[in-house]
C-alpha atoms as a PDB file:
ATOM      1  CA  MET A   1     -35.344  38.961  33.403  1.00  0.00           C
ATOM      2  CA  THR A   2     -35.546  36.787  36.477  1.00  0.00           C
ATOM      3  CA  ARG A   3     -32.691  34.956  38.094  1.00  0.00           C
ATOM      4  CA  GLY A   4     -33.988  31.576  36.888  1.00  0.00           C
ATOM      5  CA  GLN A   5     -34.225  32.786  33.290  1.00  0.00           C
ATOM      6  CA  LEU A   6     -30.694  34.148  33.522  1.00  0.00           C
ATOM      7  CA  ILE A   7     -29.379  30.776  34.726  1.00  0.00           C
ATOM      8  CA  VAL A   8     -31.201  28.996  31.894  1.00  0.00           C
ATOM      9  CA  MET A   9     -29.760  31.460  29.366  1.00  0.00           C
ATOM     10  CA  LEU A  10     -26.244  30.972  30.725  1.00  0.00           C
ATOM     11  CA  LEU A  11     -26.636  27.176  30.599  1.00  0.00           C
ATOM     12  CA  LEU A  12     -27.903  27.380  27.023  1.00  0.00           C
ATOM     13  CA  LEU A  13     -24.997  29.663  26.099  1.00  0.00           C
ATOM     14  CA  LEU A  14     -22.546  27.249  27.724  1.00  0.00           C
ATOM     15  CA  GLY A  15     -24.136  24.346  25.870  1.00  0.00           C
ATOM     16  CA  LEU A  16     -23.971  26.283  22.618  1.00  0.00           C
ATOM     17  CA  LEU A  17     -20.263  27.055  23.127  1.00  0.00           C
ATOM     18  CA  MET A  18     -19.474  23.439  23.986  1.00  0.00           C
ATOM     19  CA  THR A  19     -21.372  22.205  20.932  1.00  0.00           C
ATOM     20  CA  ALA A  20     -19.618  24.715  18.674  1.00  0.00           C
ATOM     21  CA  THR A  21     -16.233  23.669  20.063  1.00  0.00           C
ATOM     22  CA  GLY A  22     -17.133  20.019  19.481  1.00  0.00           C
ATOM     23  CA  VAL A  23     -18.118  20.732  15.874  1.00  0.00           C
ATOM     24  CA  VAL A  24     -14.858  22.601  15.233  1.00  0.00           C
ATOM     25  CA  TYR A  25     -12.802  19.801  16.791  1.00  0.00           C
ATOM     26  CA  SER A  26     -14.742  17.165  14.877  1.00  0.00           C
ATOM     27  CA  LYS A  27     -14.114  18.969  11.589  1.00  0.00           C
ATOM     28  CA  TYR A  28     -10.415  19.343  12.416  1.00  0.00           C
ATOM     29  CA  ALA A  29     -10.093  15.637  13.274  1.00  0.00           C
ATOM     30  CA  SER A  30     -11.957  14.707  10.091  1.00  0.00           C
ATOM     31  CA  ARG A  31      -9.593  16.778   7.927  1.00  0.00           C
ATOM     32  CA  LYS A  32      -6.572  15.343   9.708  1.00  0.00           C
ATOM     33  CA  GLN A  33      -7.797  11.786   9.071  1.00  0.00           C
ATOM     34  CA  PHE A  34      -8.549  12.626   5.432  1.00  0.00           C
ATOM     35  CA  VAL A  35      -4.984  13.888   4.941  1.00  0.00           C
ATOM     36  CA  ALA A  36      -3.658  10.677   6.501  1.00  0.00           C
ATOM     37  CA  LEU A  37      -5.910   8.636   4.205  1.00  0.00           C
ATOM     38  CA  GLN A  38      -4.634  10.495   1.137  1.00  0.00           C
ATOM     39  CA  GLN A  39      -1.033   9.869   2.200  1.00  0.00           C
ATOM     40  CA  LEU A  40      -1.732   6.165   2.679  1.00  0.00           C
ATOM     41  CA  ARG A  41      -3.384   5.970  -0.734  1.00  0.00           C
ATOM     42  CA  ALA A  42      -0.369   7.642  -2.346  1.00  0.00           C
ATOM     43  CA  GLU A  43       1.926   5.197  -0.554  1.00  0.00           C
ATOM     44  CA  ARG A  44      -0.229   2.275  -1.706  1.00  0.00           C
ATOM     45  CA  ASP A  45      -0.081   3.500  -5.297  1.00  0.00           C
ATOM     46  CA  ALA A  46       3.711   3.838  -5.129  1.00  0.00           C
ATOM     47  CA  ILE A  47       4.006   0.325  -3.713  1.00  0.00           C
ATOM     48  CA  GLU A  48       1.763  -1.059  -6.460  1.00  0.00           C
ATOM     49  CA  VAL A  49       3.951   0.624  -9.108  1.00  0.00           C
ATOM     50  CA  GLU A  50       7.075  -0.837  -7.514  1.00  0.00           C
ATOM     51  CA  TRP A  51       5.429  -4.276  -7.324  1.00  0.00           C
ATOM     52  CA  GLY A  52       4.644  -4.146 -11.046  1.00  0.00           C
ATOM     53  CA  ARG A  53       8.223  -3.114 -11.814  1.00  0.00           C
ATOM     54  CA  LEU A  54       9.579  -5.974  -9.700  1.00  0.00           C
ATOM     55  CA  GLN A  55       7.320  -8.468 -11.458  1.00  0.00           C
ATOM     56  CA  LEU A  56       8.600  -7.272 -14.827  1.00  0.00           C
ATOM     57  CA  GLU A  57      12.171  -7.517 -13.589  1.00  0.00           C
ATOM     58  CA  GLU A  58      11.569 -11.048 -12.293  1.00  0.00           C
ATOM     59  CA  ASN A  59      10.089 -12.092 -15.629  1.00  0.00           C
ATOM     60  CA  THR A  60      13.101 -10.625 -17.415  1.00  0.00           C
ATOM     61  CA  TRP A  61      15.564 -12.497 -15.196  1.00  0.00           C
ATOM     62  CA  ALA A  62      13.700 -15.775 -15.659  1.00  0.00           C
ATOM     63  CA  THR A  63      13.432 -15.844 -19.472  1.00  0.00           C
ATOM     64  CA  HIS A  64      14.419 -19.150 -21.052  1.00  0.00           C
ATOM     65  CA  ALA A  65      17.037 -17.537 -23.265  1.00  0.00           C
ATOM     66  CA  ARG A  66      18.771 -15.912 -20.288  1.00  0.00           C
ATOM     67  CA  VAL A  67      18.692 -19.094 -18.187  1.00  0.00           C
ATOM     68  CA  GLU A  68      20.084 -21.105 -21.102  1.00  0.00           C
ATOM     69  CA  LYS A  69      22.825 -18.520 -21.722  1.00  0.00           C
ATOM     70  CA  ILE A  70      23.905 -18.622 -18.068  1.00  0.00           C
ATOM     71  CA  ALA A  71      23.764 -22.437 -18.032  1.00  0.00           C
ATOM     72  CA  ARG A  72      26.048 -22.589 -21.066  1.00  0.00           C
ATOM     73  CA  LYS A  73      28.526 -19.955 -19.809  1.00  0.00           C
ATOM     74  CA  ARG A  74      28.809 -20.546 -16.080  1.00  0.00           C
ATOM     75  CA  LEU A  75      27.963 -24.230 -15.800  1.00  0.00           C
ATOM     76  CA  ASP A  76      29.344 -25.414 -19.150  1.00  0.00           C
ATOM     77  CA  MET A  77      26.019 -27.128 -19.871  1.00  0.00           C
ATOM     78  CA  HIS A  78      24.904 -28.130 -23.346  1.00  0.00           C
ATOM     79  CA  ILE A  79      22.086 -29.992 -25.036  1.00  0.00           C
ATOM     80  CA  PRO A  80      23.040 -33.688 -24.919  1.00  0.00           C
ATOM     81  CA  THR A  81      23.650 -35.569 -28.115  1.00  0.00           C
ATOM     82  CA  ALA A  82      21.845 -38.833 -28.837  1.00  0.00           C
ATOM     83  CA  ALA A  83      24.905 -40.777 -27.676  1.00  0.00           C
ATOM     84  CA  GLU A  84      24.906 -39.005 -24.312  1.00  0.00           C
ATOM     85  CA  VAL A  85      21.263 -39.775 -23.571  1.00  0.00           C
ATOM     86  CA  VAL A  86      20.739 -42.739 -21.244  1.00  0.00           C
ATOM     87  CA  VAL A  87      17.230 -44.148 -20.846  1.00  0.00           C
ATOM     88  CA  VAL A  88      16.563 -45.802 -17.507  1.00  0.00           C
ATOM     89  CA  ARG A  89      13.673 -48.222 -17.372  1.00  0.00           C
ATOM     90  CA  PRO A  90      12.116 -49.741 -14.269  1.00  0.00           C
END
C-alpha cells in the first residue's frame, strides 16, 4: 500500500468515526427530546384534568339554588311581594 492510499484510508476511517459519533449523538438527543415530550404531554393531561375539575367546581358554586340560599341567609333577601314591587315608568 502506498503512502497516498494510506492517507486516504486514514481520512476515510476518521470520517467514518466522526459520522458514527454523530449518529450516536443524534440518537441520544432524539431520545432525550422524546422523553421531554412525553413529560410535557403528561403535564398537559394533568392540567386538562384539573381544568375540568375546576369547571365542575365553578358550576357547583354557581347553581341557582346555592346562590338563592346564600342570598336568603347572609343578605336577608327574599322574593318581593306584590306590595313591595314598584314599577318605574319613563
